[in-house]
Amino acid sequence: MTVAAQYVRGAWATVQRDASIYFSYRLRVASQLLGTLFTLTIFFYVAKLVRADAVGHRAHYYEFVVVGIATLAILEAGLTVSQLVRMELVAGNFERLLISPFGPVAGAMSMAVFPIAFATLFAGLVLALADVLFGVPIYLGGIPLALVVVAFGGVAFAAIGLLFVGALLAFKSAMGATWVMAALGLLGGIYFPVKLFPEWIRWASEIQPLTPAADLLRHQLLGTPTTQVAWLELLKLAGFAAVLVPIGGAVLWEAVKVSRRRGTIMEY
């Protein structure tokens, strides 16, 4: 068996374990779905207060924000890897990754696979409900490319999650993930177009992966025009993933080495 095949098997085993743990809480999916329905209903009525042309001539605000919320939920799942590693530290299971051939970096990355995959399926269900209950027109032909966008965005955000895992191992705290996601949601055009920002802050929306991901998903699922050429935004998103993965892996590996020297790697 090749090394690549062994890593794939290790990642798949991690996905199976995470799925078993998640679905062992029988009411989790139902409560999550109920909360999402409340969110959809709230924004449905908030959208009635917004001008129909506020987000472009081909999309109403409700359609705009529903896809934005789905995008945020999918990519935010990549950042949960720091919370999952924290749970492994508390349970005393993380040392198995440290001494296994799989290693801490591949192990942490594989922990992000199930949350992203499940969030993608759940977002699809949410969009279907928004279509049936609130009349949001979803273009089914755009789903294949939308999944490509999700894949690139998920890898990029999982790599950002590795940075927080490194902080967790080195400093025993990774509280910044929530703040980072809130800031990216604000700057990424999730709830309103980035063109509404003043010029002095608008640049911040262009240097992070959430903006092109949300823009491309709206383009594929709603048919709204992109702020830039679509292939260029996809290339930018792929570039974020290609750059962030080695950086996140290097930071995590350095944090592991520092924690080993201190003898604190299993402490939390």
C-alpha atoms as a PDB file:
ATOM      1  CA  MET A   1       0.000   0.000   0.000  1.00  0.00           C
ATOM      2  CA  THR A   2       1.338   3.423  -0.960  1.00  0.00           C
ATOM      3  CA  VAL A   3       1.860   6.223   1.546  1.00  0.00           C
ATOM      4  CA  ALA A   4      -0.919   8.244  -0.104  1.00  0.00           C
ATOM      5  CA  ALA A   5      -3.351   5.330   0.268  1.00  0.00           C
ATOM      6  CA  GLN A   6      -2.447   5.008   3.940  1.00  0.00           C
ATOM      7  CA  TYR A   7      -3.178   8.699   4.526  1.00  0.00           C
ATOM      8  CA  VAL A   8      -6.509   8.356   2.708  1.00  0.00           C
ATOM      9  CA  ARG A   9      -7.430   5.386   4.893  1.00  0.00           C
ATOM     10  CA  GLY A  10      -6.438   7.310   8.006  1.00  0.00           C
ATOM     11  CA  ALA A  11      -8.508  10.313   6.974  1.00  0.00           C
ATOM     12  CA  TRP A  12     -11.506   8.119   6.139  1.00  0.00           C
ATOM     13  CA  ALA A  13     -11.272   6.379   9.519  1.00  0.00           C
ATOM     14  CA  THR A  14     -11.277   9.805  11.191  1.00  0.00           C
ATOM     15  CA  VAL A  15     -14.365  10.826   9.203  1.00  0.00           C
ATOM     16  CA  GLN A  16     -16.174   7.646  10.217  1.00  0.00           C
ATOM     17  CA  ARG A  17     -15.322   8.201  13.876  1.00  0.00           C
ATOM     18  CA  ASP A  18     -16.425  11.849  13.814  1.00  0.00           C
ATOM     19  CA  ALA A  19     -19.681  10.947  12.056  1.00  0.00           C
ATOM     20  CA  SER A  20     -20.445   8.249  14.643  1.00  0.00           C
ATOM     21  CA  ILE A  21     -19.859  10.689  17.491  1.00  0.00           C
ATOM     22  CA  TYR A  22     -21.926  13.435  15.873  1.00  0.00           C
ATOM     23  CA  PHE A  23     -24.971  11.303  15.107  1.00  0.00           C
ATOM     24  CA  SER A  24     -24.886   9.647  18.520  1.00  0.00           C
ATOM     25  CA  TYR A  25     -26.537  12.847  19.777  1.00  0.00           C
ATOM     26  CA  ARG A  26     -29.940  12.121  18.283  1.00  0.00           C
ATOM     27  CA  LEU A  27     -31.529  15.553  18.641  1.00  0.00           C
ATOM     28  CA  ARG A  28     -28.549  17.535  17.349  1.00  0.00           C
ATOM     29  CA  VAL A  29     -29.595  17.605  13.682  1.00  0.00           C
ATOM     30  CA  ALA A  30     -33.220  18.413  14.526  1.00  0.00           C
ATOM     31  CA  SER A  31     -32.272  21.286  16.843  1.00  0.00           C
ATOM     32  CA  GLN A  32     -29.806  22.631  14.298  1.00  0.00           C
ATOM     33  CA  LEU A  33     -32.447  22.515  11.577  1.00  0.00           C
ATOM     34  CA  LEU A  34     -35.009  24.233  13.807  1.00  0.00           C
ATOM     35  CA  GLY A  35     -32.571  27.025  14.624  1.00  0.00           C
ATOM     36  CA  THR A  36     -31.819  27.497  10.937  1.00  0.00           C
ATOM     37  CA  LEU A  37     -35.528  27.724  10.113  1.00  0.00           C
ATOM     38  CA  PHE A  38     -35.885  30.507  12.670  1.00  0.00           C
ATOM     39  CA  THR A  39     -32.954  32.317  11.047  1.00  0.00           C
ATOM     40  CA  LEU A  40     -34.472  31.958   7.572  1.00  0.00           C
ATOM     41  CA  THR A  41     -37.796  33.283   8.821  1.00  0.00           C
ATOM     42  CA  ILE A  42     -36.229  36.280  10.565  1.00  0.00           C
ATOM     43  CA  PHE A  43     -34.255  37.317   7.494  1.00  0.00           C
ATOM     44  CA  PHE A  44     -37.303  36.769   5.276  1.00  0.00           C
ATOM     45  CA  TYR A  45     -39.079  39.588   7.080  1.00  0.00           C
ATOM     46  CA  VAL A  46     -35.960  41.708   7.473  1.00  0.00           C
ATOM     47  CA  ALA A  47     -35.557  41.482   3.697  1.00  0.00           C
ATOM     48  CA  LYS A  48     -38.910  43.226   3.259  1.00  0.00           C
ATOM     49  CA  LEU A  49     -37.308  46.354   4.703  1.00  0.00           C
ATOM     50  CA  VAL A  50     -34.532  46.371   2.083  1.00  0.00           C
ATOM     51  CA  ARG A  51     -34.814  47.834  -1.411  1.00  0.00           C
ATOM     52  CA  ALA A  52     -35.064  45.168  -4.094  1.00  0.00           C
ATOM     53  CA  ASP A  53     -32.165  46.720  -6.031  1.00  0.00           C
ATOM     54  CA  ALA A  54     -29.839  47.016  -3.030  1.00  0.00           C
ATOM     55  CA  VAL A  55     -27.781  43.984  -4.040  1.00  0.00           C
ATOM     56  CA  GLY A  56     -28.048  44.155  -7.820  1.00  0.00           C
ATOM     57  CA  HIS A  57     -30.721  44.000 -10.456  1.00  0.00           C
ATOM     58  CA  ARG A  58     -30.958  40.182 -10.563  1.00  0.00           C
ATOM     59  CA  ALA A  59     -31.205  39.292  -6.901  1.00  0.00           C
ATOM     60  CA  HIS A  60     -33.304  40.357  -3.972  1.00  0.00           C
ATOM     61  CA  TYR A  61     -31.734  40.800  -0.581  1.00  0.00           C
ATOM     62  CA  TYR A  62     -33.272  37.647   0.868  1.00  0.00           C
ATOM     63  CA  GLU A  63     -31.715  35.461  -1.811  1.00  0.00           C
ATOM     64  CA  PHE A  64     -28.428  37.279  -1.290  1.00  0.00           C
ATOM     65  CA  VAL A  65     -28.315  36.739   2.458  1.00  0.00           C
ATOM     66  CA  VAL A  66     -29.575  33.130   2.423  1.00  0.00           C
ATOM     67  CA  VAL A  67     -26.700  31.975   0.202  1.00  0.00           C
ATOM     68  CA  GLY A  68     -24.338  34.103   2.278  1.00  0.00           C
ATOM     69  CA  ILE A  69     -25.436  32.411   5.508  1.00  0.00           C
ATOM     70  CA  ALA A  70     -25.058  28.973   3.897  1.00  0.00           C
ATOM     71  CA  THR A  71     -21.554  29.892   2.714  1.00  0.00           C
ATOM     72  CA  LEU A  72     -20.557  31.114   6.160  1.00  0.00           C
ATOM     73  CA  ALA A  73     -21.840  27.926   7.823  1.00  0.00           C
ATOM     74  CA  ILE A  74     -19.858  25.692   5.446  1.00  0.00           C
ATOM     75  CA  LEU A  75     -16.563  27.532   5.713  1.00  0.00           C
ATOM     76  CA  GLU A  76     -16.907  28.175   9.429  1.00  0.00           C
ATOM     77  CA  ALA A  77     -16.945  24.401   9.869  1.00  0.00           C
ATOM     78  CA  GLY A  78     -13.298  24.377   8.786  1.00  0.00           C
ATOM     79  CA  LEU A  79     -12.359  26.472  11.803  1.00  0.00           C
ATOM     80  CA  THR A  80     -13.963  24.016  14.223  1.00  0.00           C
ATOM     81  CA  VAL A  81     -10.858  21.849  13.981  1.00  0.00           C
ATOM     82  CA  SER A  82      -9.363  23.778  16.903  1.00  0.00           C
ATOM     83  CA  GLN A  83     -12.405  22.922  19.039  1.00  0.00           C
ATOM     84  CA  LEU A  84     -12.176  19.271  18.004  1.00  0.00           C
ATOM     85  CA  VAL A  85      -8.485  19.080  18.891  1.00  0.00           C
ATOM     86  CA  ARG A  86      -9.271  20.689  22.241  1.00  0.00           C
ATOM     87  CA  MET A  87     -11.796  17.916  22.897  1.00  0.00           C
ATOM     88  CA  GLU A  88      -9.158  15.335  22.000  1.00  0.00           C
ATOM     89  CA  LEU A  89      -6.714  16.951  24.438  1.00  0.00           C
ATOM     90  CA  VAL A  90      -9.287  16.961  27.233  1.00  0.00           C
ATOM     91  CA  ALA A  91     -10.150  13.308  26.545  1.00  0.00           C
ATOM     92  CA  GLY A  92      -6.465  12.358  26.384  1.00  0.00           C
ATOM     93  CA  ASN A  93      -6.717  11.020  22.824  1.00  0.00           C
ATOM     94  CA  PHE A  94      -4.468  13.490  21.021  1.00  0.00           C
ATOM     95  CA  GLU A  95      -1.308  11.612  22.003  1.00  0.00           C
ATOM     96  CA  ARG A  96      -2.386   8.773  19.707  1.00  0.00           C
ATOM     97  CA  LEU A  97      -2.069  11.107  16.738  1.00  0.00           C
ATOM     98  CA  LEU A  98       1.307  12.316  17.947  1.00  0.00           C
ATOM     99  CA  ILE A  99       2.847   8.852  18.076  1.00  0.00           C
ATOM    100  CA  SER A 100       1.043   7.421  15.038  1.00  0.00           C
ATOM    101  CA  PRO A 101       2.467   7.441  11.491  1.00  0.00           C
ATOM    102  CA  PHE A 102      -0.510   9.615  10.525  1.00  0.00           C
ATOM    103  CA  GLY A 103       0.915  12.507  12.523  1.00  0.00           C
ATOM    104  CA  PRO A 104      -0.659  15.580  14.154  1.00  0.00           C
ATOM    105  CA  VAL A 105      -0.881  17.731  11.008  1.00  0.00           C
ATOM    106  CA  ALA A 106      -2.657  15.153   8.837  1.00  0.00           C
ATOM    107  CA  GLY A 107      -4.750  14.126  11.828  1.00  0.00           C
ATOM    108  CA  ALA A 108      -5.898  17.683  12.503  1.00  0.00           C
ATOM    109  CA  MET A 109      -6.673  18.295   8.829  1.00  0.00           C
ATOM    110  CA  SER A 110      -8.704  15.088   8.638  1.00  0.00           C
ATOM    111  CA  MET A 111     -10.780  16.255  11.604  1.00  0.00           C
ATOM    112  CA  ALA A 112     -12.055  19.100   9.437  1.00  0.00           C
ATOM    113  CA  VAL A 113     -13.367  16.783   6.697  1.00  0.00           C
ATOM    114  CA  PHE A 114     -16.567  15.613   8.368  1.00  0.00           C
ATOM    115  CA  PRO A 115     -17.633  19.050   9.691  1.00  0.00           C
ATOM    116  CA  ILE A 116     -17.174  20.603   6.239  1.00  0.00           C
ATOM    117  CA  ALA A 117     -18.887  17.721   4.432  1.00  0.00           C
ATOM    118  CA  PHE A 118     -21.828  17.695   6.834  1.00  0.00           C
ATOM    119  CA  ALA A 119     -22.124  21.500   6.749  1.00  0.00           C
ATOM    120  CA  THR A 120     -22.226  21.294   2.935  1.00  0.00           C
ATOM    121  CA  LEU A 121     -25.045  18.733   2.983  1.00  0.00           C
ATOM    122  CA  PHE A 122     -26.900  20.701   5.641  1.00  0.00           C
ATOM    123  CA  ALA A 123     -26.501  23.923   3.634  1.00  0.00           C
ATOM    124  CA  GLY A 124     -27.990  22.133   0.640  1.00  0.00           C
ATOM    125  CA  LEU A 125     -30.979  21.147   2.773  1.00  0.00           C
ATOM    126  CA  VAL A 126     -31.322  24.731   4.011  1.00  0.00           C
ATOM    127  CA  LEU A 127     -31.287  26.089   0.465  1.00  0.00           C
ATOM    128  CA  ALA A 128     -33.892  23.518  -0.556  1.00  0.00           C
ATOM    129  CA  LEU A 129     -36.110  24.632   2.340  1.00  0.00           C
ATOM    130  CA  ALA A 130     -35.566  28.272   1.401  1.00  0.00           C
ATOM    131  CA  ASP A 131     -36.675  27.386  -2.125  1.00  0.00           C
ATOM    132  CA  VAL A 132     -39.778  25.487  -1.030  1.00  0.00           C
ATOM    133  CA  LEU A 133     -40.876  27.723   1.853  1.00  0.00           C
ATOM    134  CA  PHE A 134     -39.741  31.168   0.759  1.00  0.00           C
ATOM    135  CA  GLY A 135     -39.389  30.918  -3.000  1.00  0.00           C
ATOM    136  CA  VAL A 136     -35.605  31.363  -3.271  1.00  0.00           C
ATOM    137  CA  PRO A 137     -34.751  30.299  -6.852  1.00  0.00           C
ATOM    138  CA  ILE A 138     -31.768  27.920  -6.775  1.00  0.00           C
ATOM    139  CA  TYR A 139     -30.125  27.136 -10.119  1.00  0.00           C
ATOM    140  CA  LEU A 140     -29.449  23.388 -10.016  1.00  0.00           C
ATOM    141  CA  GLY A 141     -27.060  23.537 -12.962  1.00  0.00           C
ATOM    142  CA  GLY A 142     -24.641  25.581 -10.879  1.00  0.00           C
ATOM    143  CA  ILE A 143     -24.267  22.977  -8.134  1.00  0.00           C
ATOM    144  CA  PRO A 144     -21.241  21.088  -9.599  1.00  0.00           C
ATOM    145  CA  LEU A 145     -19.062  24.196  -9.794  1.00  0.00           C
ATOM    146  CA  ALA A 146     -20.455  25.353  -6.441  1.00  0.00           C
ATOM    147  CA  LEU A 147     -19.055  22.153  -4.902  1.00  0.00           C
ATOM    148  CA  VAL A 148     -15.645  22.985  -6.373  1.00  0.00           C
ATOM    149  CA  VAL A 149     -15.851  26.403  -4.725  1.00  0.00           C
ATOM    150  CA  VAL A 150     -16.798  24.765  -1.422  1.00  0.00           C
ATOM    151  CA  ALA A 151     -13.843  22.380  -1.691  1.00  0.00           C
ATOM    152  CA  PHE A 152     -11.302  25.169  -2.224  1.00  0.00           C
ATOM    153  CA  GLY A 153     -12.884  27.345   0.451  1.00  0.00           C
ATOM    154  CA  GLY A 154     -13.106  24.473   2.923  1.00  0.00           C
ATOM    155  CA  VAL A 155      -9.409  23.648   2.490  1.00  0.00           C
ATOM    156  CA  ALA A 156      -8.475  27.302   2.964  1.00  0.00           C
ATOM    157  CA  PHE A 157     -10.488  27.634   6.169  1.00  0.00           C
ATOM    158  CA  ALA A 158      -9.290  24.288   7.503  1.00  0.00           C
ATOM    159  CA  ALA A 159      -5.744  25.603   7.018  1.00  0.00           C
ATOM    160  CA  ILE A 160      -6.677  28.711   9.020  1.00  0.00           C
ATOM    161  CA  GLY A 161      -8.024  26.308  11.624  1.00  0.00           C
ATOM    162  CA  LEU A 162      -4.562  24.713  11.827  1.00  0.00           C
ATOM    163  CA  LEU A 163      -3.180  28.084  12.921  1.00  0.00           C
ATOM    164  CA  PHE A 164      -5.559  28.035  15.872  1.00  0.00           C
ATOM    165  CA  VAL A 165      -4.630  24.437  16.643  1.00  0.00           C
ATOM    166  CA  GLY A 166      -1.015  25.575  16.791  1.00  0.00           C
ATOM    167  CA  ALA A 167      -1.994  28.376  19.178  1.00  0.00           C
ATOM    168  CA  LEU A 168      -3.951  25.853  21.240  1.00  0.00           C
ATOM    169  CA  LEU A 169      -0.923  23.578  21.651  1.00  0.00           C
ATOM    170  CA  ALA A 170       1.562  26.379  22.254  1.00  0.00           C
ATOM    171  CA  PHE A 171      -0.491  28.716  24.446  1.00  0.00           C
ATOM    172  CA  LYS A 172      -3.343  26.440  25.638  1.00  0.00           C
ATOM    173  CA  SER A 173      -5.921  28.808  24.202  1.00  0.00           C
ATOM    174  CA  ALA A 174      -7.587  29.280  20.809  1.00  0.00           C
ATOM    175  CA  MET A 175     -10.301  31.757  21.674  1.00  0.00           C
ATOM    176  CA  GLY A 176      -9.666  33.940  18.630  1.00  0.00           C
ATOM    177  CA  ALA A 177     -11.439  31.650  16.137  1.00  0.00           C
ATOM    178  CA  THR A 178     -14.880  33.065  16.939  1.00  0.00           C
ATOM    179  CA  TRP A 179     -13.671  36.643  16.540  1.00  0.00           C
ATOM    180  CA  VAL A 180     -11.900  35.878  13.277  1.00  0.00           C
ATOM    181  CA  MET A 181     -15.004  34.252  11.813  1.00  0.00           C
ATOM    182  CA  ALA A 182     -17.194  37.164  12.901  1.00  0.00           C
ATOM    183  CA  ALA A 183     -14.778  39.637  11.290  1.00  0.00           C
ATOM    184  CA  LEU A 184     -14.559  37.627   8.072  1.00  0.00           C
ATOM    185  CA  GLY A 185     -18.359  37.348   7.944  1.00  0.00           C
ATOM    186  CA  LEU A 186     -18.607  41.118   8.241  1.00  0.00           C
ATOM    187  CA  LEU A 187     -15.901  41.841   5.684  1.00  0.00           C
ATOM    188  CA  GLY A 188     -16.768  38.984   3.324  1.00  0.00           C
ATOM    189  CA  GLY A 189     -20.107  40.312   2.124  1.00  0.00           C
ATOM    190  CA  ILE A 190     -22.225  37.701   3.882  1.00  0.00           C
ATOM    191  CA  TYR A 191     -24.979  40.020   5.096  1.00  0.00           C
ATOM    192  CA  PHE A 192     -24.549  42.968   2.731  1.00  0.00           C
ATOM    193  CA  PRO A 193     -22.462  43.786  -0.356  1.00  0.00           C
ATOM    194  CA  VAL A 194     -18.857  44.831   0.256  1.00  0.00           C
ATOM    195  CA  LYS A 195     -19.425  47.813  -2.061  1.00  0.00           C
ATOM    196  CA  LEU A 196     -21.270  49.460   0.820  1.00  0.00           C
ATOM    197  CA  PHE A 197     -18.033  49.675   2.807  1.00  0.00           C
ATOM    198  CA  PRO A 198     -16.066  52.931   2.705  1.00  0.00           C
ATOM    199  CA  GLU A 199     -12.998  52.878   0.455  1.00  0.00           C
ATOM    200  CA  TRP A 200     -10.510  52.862   3.341  1.00  0.00           C
ATOM    201  CA  ILE A 201     -11.680  49.454   4.613  1.00  0.00           C
ATOM    202  CA  ARG A 202     -12.930  47.802   1.418  1.00  0.00           C
ATOM    203  CA  TRP A 203      -9.481  46.389   0.659  1.00  0.00           C
ATOM    204  CA  ALA A 204      -9.853  44.039   3.654  1.00  0.00           C
ATOM    205  CA  SER A 205     -12.568  42.127   1.826  1.00  0.00           C
ATOM    206  CA  GLU A 206     -10.145  41.234  -0.958  1.00  0.00           C
ATOM    207  CA  ILE A 207      -7.378  39.654   1.144  1.00  0.00           C
ATOM    208  CA  GLN A 208      -9.334  36.754   2.626  1.00  0.00           C
ATOM    209  CA  PRO A 209     -11.022  33.698   1.061  1.00  0.00           C
ATOM    210  CA  LEU A 210     -14.607  34.238   2.248  1.00  0.00           C
ATOM    211  CA  THR A 211     -15.346  37.063  -0.184  1.00  0.00           C
ATOM    212  CA  PRO A 212     -14.616  35.183  -3.445  1.00  0.00           C
ATOM    213  CA  ALA A 213     -16.276  32.035  -2.066  1.00  0.00           C
ATOM    214  CA  ALA A 214     -19.536  33.834  -1.256  1.00  0.00           C
ATOM    215  CA  ASP A 215     -19.464  35.753  -4.532  1.00  0.00           C
ATOM    216  CA  LEU A 216     -18.922  32.604  -6.612  1.00  0.00           C
ATOM    217  CA  LEU A 217     -21.584  30.598  -4.788  1.00  0.00           C
ATOM    218  CA  ARG A 218     -24.144  33.353  -5.352  1.00  0.00           C
ATOM    219  CA  HIS A 219     -23.126  33.440  -9.001  1.00  0.00           C
ATOM    220  CA  GLN A 220     -23.528  29.678  -9.407  1.00  0.00           C
ATOM    221  CA  LEU A 221     -26.686  29.194  -7.347  1.00  0.00           C
ATOM    222  CA  LEU A 222     -28.563  32.445  -8.046  1.00  0.00           C
ATOM    223  CA  GLY A 223     -27.111  33.607 -11.343  1.00  0.00           C
ATOM    224  CA  THR A 224     -26.018  36.962  -9.905  1.00  0.00           C
ATOM    225  CA  PRO A 225     -23.062  38.679 -11.581  1.00  0.00           C
ATOM    226  CA  THR A 226     -19.673  38.362  -9.880  1.00  0.00           C
ATOM    227  CA  THR A 227     -17.735  41.427  -8.768  1.00  0.00           C
ATOM    228  CA  GLN A 228     -14.758  40.144 -10.780  1.00  0.00           C
ATOM    229  CA  VAL A 229     -14.323  37.627 -13.595  1.00  0.00           C
ATOM    230  CA  ALA A 230     -15.530  34.261 -12.269  1.00  0.00           C
ATOM    231  CA  TRP A 231     -12.447  32.261 -13.249  1.00  0.00           C
ATOM    232  CA  LEU A 232     -10.219  34.878 -11.627  1.00  0.00           C
ATOM    233  CA  GLU A 233     -12.134  34.619  -8.341  1.00  0.00           C
ATOM    234  CA  LEU A 234     -11.907  30.824  -8.492  1.00  0.00           C
ATOM    235  CA  LEU A 235      -8.166  31.092  -9.119  1.00  0.00           C
ATOM    236  CA  LYS A 236      -7.860  33.476  -6.164  1.00  0.00           C
ATOM    237  CA  LEU A 237      -9.720  31.034  -3.924  1.00  0.00           C
ATOM    238  CA  ALA A 238      -7.491  28.166  -5.040  1.00  0.00           C
ATOM    239  CA  GLY A 239      -4.464  30.374  -4.375  1.00  0.00           C
ATOM    240  CA  PHE A 240      -5.633  31.023  -0.816  1.00  0.00           C
ATOM    241  CA  ALA A 241      -5.901  27.254  -0.257  1.00  0.00           C
ATOM    242  CA  ALA A 242      -2.489  26.547  -1.812  1.00  0.00           C
ATOM    243  CA  VAL A 243      -0.753  29.211   0.300  1.00  0.00           C
ATOM    244  CA  LEU A 244      -2.543  28.668   3.611  1.00  0.00           C
ATOM    245  CA  VAL A 245      -2.189  24.872   3.822  1.00  0.00           C
ATOM    246  CA  PRO A 246       1.642  24.784   4.038  1.00  0.00           C
ATOM    247  CA  ILE A 247       1.640  27.795   6.363  1.00  0.00           C
ATOM    248  CA  GLY A 248      -0.935  26.227   8.686  1.00  0.00           C
ATOM    249  CA  GLY A 249       0.871  22.875   8.617  1.00  0.00           C
ATOM    250  CA  ALA A 250       4.236  24.491   9.371  1.00  0.00           C
ATOM    251  CA  VAL A 251       2.814  26.519  12.272  1.00  0.00           C
ATOM    252  CA  LEU A 252       1.137  23.448  13.763  1.00  0.00           C
ATOM    253  CA  TRP A 253       4.266  21.318  13.444  1.00  0.00           C
ATOM    254  CA  GLU A 254       6.377  24.039  15.072  1.00  0.00           C
ATOM    255  CA  ALA A 255       3.849  24.279  17.917  1.00  0.00           C
ATOM    256  CA  VAL A 256       4.096  20.507  18.391  1.00  0.00           C
ATOM    257  CA  LYS A 257       7.891  20.687  18.627  1.00  0.00           C
ATOM    258  CA  VAL A 258       7.779  23.590  21.086  1.00  0.00           C
ATOM    259  CA  SER A 259       5.231  21.793  23.264  1.00  0.00           C
ATOM    260  CA  ARG A 260       7.315  18.620  23.213  1.00  0.00           C
ATOM    261  CA  ARG A 261      10.389  20.506  24.387  1.00  0.00           C
ATOM    262  CA  ARG A 262       8.373  22.044  27.210  1.00  0.00           C
ATOM    263  CA  GLY A 263       6.723  18.747  28.085  1.00  0.00           C
ATOM    264  CA  THR A 264       3.294  20.401  27.956  1.00  0.00           C
ATOM    265  CA  ILE A 265       1.834  18.977  24.768  1.00  0.00           C
ATOM    266  CA  MET A 266      -0.825  16.910  26.569  1.00  0.00           C
ATOM    267  CA  GLU A 267      -1.726  19.654  29.024  1.00  0.00           C
ATOM    268  CA  TYR A 268      -4.797  21.813  28.689  1.00  0.00           C
END
